[in-house]
Amino acid sequence: MCQGLIDFGNKFAENFPKYCVYAEILLHKRFEKGTLKR
């Protein structure tokens, strides 16, 4: 769903569903590259 936007707040996910998907893609790419670690 919008797990990637939890850090930024649900406001973005509720108001910008397309942005939510876009952010998920960016986060997924970062995880693949290993630049984003938790």
C-alpha atoms as a PDB file:
ATOM      1  CA  MET A   1       0.000   0.000   0.000  1.00  0.00           C
ATOM      2  CA  CYS A   2       1.706   3.185   1.186  1.00  0.00           C
ATOM      3  CA  GLN A   3       4.261   1.855   3.655  1.00  0.00           C
ATOM      4  CA  GLY A   4       6.956   4.102   2.204  1.00  0.00           C
ATOM      5  CA  LEU A   5       5.022   7.233   3.155  1.00  0.00           C
ATOM      6  CA  ILE A   6       4.460   6.274   6.784  1.00  0.00           C
ATOM      7  CA  ASP A   7       7.668   8.118   7.649  1.00  0.00           C
ATOM      8  CA  PHE A   8       6.332  11.279   5.998  1.00  0.00           C
ATOM      9  CA  GLY A   9       2.808  11.008   7.369  1.00  0.00           C
ATOM     10  CA  ASN A  10      -0.488   9.701   6.009  1.00  0.00           C
ATOM     11  CA  LYS A  11      -1.429  13.181   4.791  1.00  0.00           C
ATOM     12  CA  PHE A  12       0.536  12.661   1.586  1.00  0.00           C
ATOM     13  CA  ALA A  13      -0.880   9.193   1.020  1.00  0.00           C
ATOM     14  CA  GLU A  14      -4.459  10.398   1.448  1.00  0.00           C
ATOM     15  CA  ASN A  15      -4.115  13.506  -0.704  1.00  0.00           C
ATOM     16  CA  PHE A  16      -1.755  12.190  -3.367  1.00  0.00           C
ATOM     17  CA  PRO A  17      -2.352   8.477  -4.148  1.00  0.00           C
ATOM     18  CA  LYS A  18      -0.279   8.766  -7.326  1.00  0.00           C
ATOM     19  CA  TYR A  19       2.582  10.302  -5.362  1.00  0.00           C
ATOM     20  CA  CYS A  20       2.286   7.402  -2.943  1.00  0.00           C
ATOM     21  CA  VAL A  21       2.929   4.898  -5.722  1.00  0.00           C
ATOM     22  CA  TYR A  22       5.760   7.054  -7.066  1.00  0.00           C
ATOM     23  CA  ALA A  23       7.394   7.175  -3.633  1.00  0.00           C
ATOM     24  CA  GLU A  24       7.053   3.421  -3.251  1.00  0.00           C
ATOM     25  CA  ILE A  25       8.906   2.929  -6.541  1.00  0.00           C
ATOM     26  CA  LEU A  26      11.700   5.284  -5.462  1.00  0.00           C
ATOM     27  CA  LEU A  27      12.040   3.548  -2.094  1.00  0.00           C
ATOM     28  CA  HIS A  28      12.110   0.149  -3.789  1.00  0.00           C
ATOM     29  CA  LYS A  29      14.897   1.285  -6.117  1.00  0.00           C
ATOM     30  CA  ARG A  30      16.850   2.671  -3.161  1.00  0.00           C
ATOM     31  CA  PHE A  31      16.508  -0.644  -1.344  1.00  0.00           C
ATOM     32  CA  GLU A  32      17.790  -2.460  -4.423  1.00  0.00           C
ATOM     33  CA  LYS A  33      20.802  -0.159  -4.655  1.00  0.00           C
ATOM     34  CA  GLY A  34      21.400  -0.493  -0.927  1.00  0.00           C
ATOM     35  CA  THR A  35      21.502   3.265  -0.371  1.00  0.00           C
ATOM     36  CA  LEU A  36      18.582   3.139   2.039  1.00  0.00           C
ATOM     37  CA  LYS A  37      19.036   0.901   5.069  1.00  0.00           C
ATOM     38  CA  ARG A  38      16.973   0.459   8.215  1.00  0.00           C
END
